[in-house]
């Protein structure tokens, strides 16, 4: 579930890069959250 949310956030970030620059900052914040969630999951030992 957590991995799926992270993938969705990364896809939204990619869409944000090619669409509006006004919401770009928000999309980048979502990307950072997604990366942190993936790293925490890997560090906790559960893997993907």
C-alpha atoms as a PDB file:
ATOM      1  CA  UNK A   1       0.000   0.000   0.000  1.00  0.00           C
ATOM      2  CA  UNK A   2       2.736   2.439   0.956  1.00  0.00           C
ATOM      3  CA  UNK A   3       4.695   1.607  -2.194  1.00  0.00           C
ATOM      4  CA  UNK A   4       1.606   2.210  -4.340  1.00  0.00           C
ATOM      5  CA  UNK A   5       1.089   5.655  -2.822  1.00  0.00           C
ATOM      6  CA  UNK A   6       4.725   6.513  -3.480  1.00  0.00           C
ATOM      7  CA  UNK A   7       4.435   5.454  -7.135  1.00  0.00           C
ATOM      8  CA  UNK A   8       1.282   7.541  -7.561  1.00  0.00           C
ATOM      9  CA  UNK A   9       3.041  10.573  -6.072  1.00  0.00           C
ATOM     10  CA  UNK A  10       5.992  10.124  -8.438  1.00  0.00           C
ATOM     11  CA  UNK A  11       3.629   9.907 -11.431  1.00  0.00           C
ATOM     12  CA  UNK A  12       1.859  13.072 -10.280  1.00  0.00           C
ATOM     13  CA  UNK A  13       5.245  14.774  -9.992  1.00  0.00           C
ATOM     14  CA  UNK A  14       6.141  13.815 -13.556  1.00  0.00           C
ATOM     15  CA  UNK A  15       2.790  15.144 -14.796  1.00  0.00           C
ATOM     16  CA  UNK A  16       3.394  18.352 -12.870  1.00  0.00           C
ATOM     17  CA  UNK A  17       6.764  18.831 -14.565  1.00  0.00           C
ATOM     18  CA  UNK A  18       5.179  18.909 -18.016  1.00  0.00           C
ATOM     19  CA  UNK A  19       2.013  20.820 -17.119  1.00  0.00           C
ATOM     20  CA  UNK A  20       1.598  23.898 -14.921  1.00  0.00           C
ATOM     21  CA  UNK A  21       4.487  25.626 -13.214  1.00  0.00           C
ATOM     22  CA  UNK A  22       2.174  27.092 -10.572  1.00  0.00           C
ATOM     23  CA  UNK A  23       1.594  23.773  -8.814  1.00  0.00           C
ATOM     24  CA  UNK A  24       5.150  22.583  -9.442  1.00  0.00           C
ATOM     25  CA  UNK A  25       6.240  23.384  -5.895  1.00  0.00           C
ATOM     26  CA  UNK A  26       3.434  21.302  -4.417  1.00  0.00           C
ATOM     27  CA  UNK A  27       4.243  18.386  -6.709  1.00  0.00           C
ATOM     28  CA  UNK A  28       7.910  18.528  -5.684  1.00  0.00           C
ATOM     29  CA  UNK A  29       6.893  18.378  -2.023  1.00  0.00           C
ATOM     30  CA  UNK A  30       4.838  15.268  -2.823  1.00  0.00           C
ATOM     31  CA  UNK A  31       7.864  13.743  -4.559  1.00  0.00           C
ATOM     32  CA  UNK A  32      10.044  14.331  -1.498  1.00  0.00           C
ATOM     33  CA  UNK A  33       7.404  12.676   0.687  1.00  0.00           C
ATOM     34  CA  UNK A  34       7.254   9.698  -1.690  1.00  0.00           C
ATOM     35  CA  UNK A  35      11.039   9.257  -1.661  1.00  0.00           C
ATOM     36  CA  UNK A  36      11.137   9.477   2.146  1.00  0.00           C
ATOM     37  CA  UNK A  37       8.398   6.831   2.406  1.00  0.00           C
ATOM     38  CA  UNK A  38      10.319   4.482   0.095  1.00  0.00           C
ATOM     39  CA  UNK A  39      13.553   4.996   2.045  1.00  0.00           C
ATOM     40  CA  UNK A  40      11.847   4.402   5.393  1.00  0.00           C
ATOM     41  CA  UNK A  41      10.316   1.204   4.064  1.00  0.00           C
ATOM     42  CA  UNK A  42      13.680  -0.033   2.771  1.00  0.00           C
ATOM     43  CA  UNK A  43      15.474   0.888   6.007  1.00  0.00           C
ATOM     44  CA  UNK A  44      12.820  -0.842   8.119  1.00  0.00           C
ATOM     45  CA  UNK A  45      13.731  -4.092   6.350  1.00  0.00           C
ATOM     46  CA  UNK A  46      10.427  -4.882   4.675  1.00  0.00           C
ATOM     47  CA  UNK A  47      11.666  -4.219   1.160  1.00  0.00           C
ATOM     48  CA  UNK A  48       9.474  -3.352  -1.786  1.00  0.00           C
END
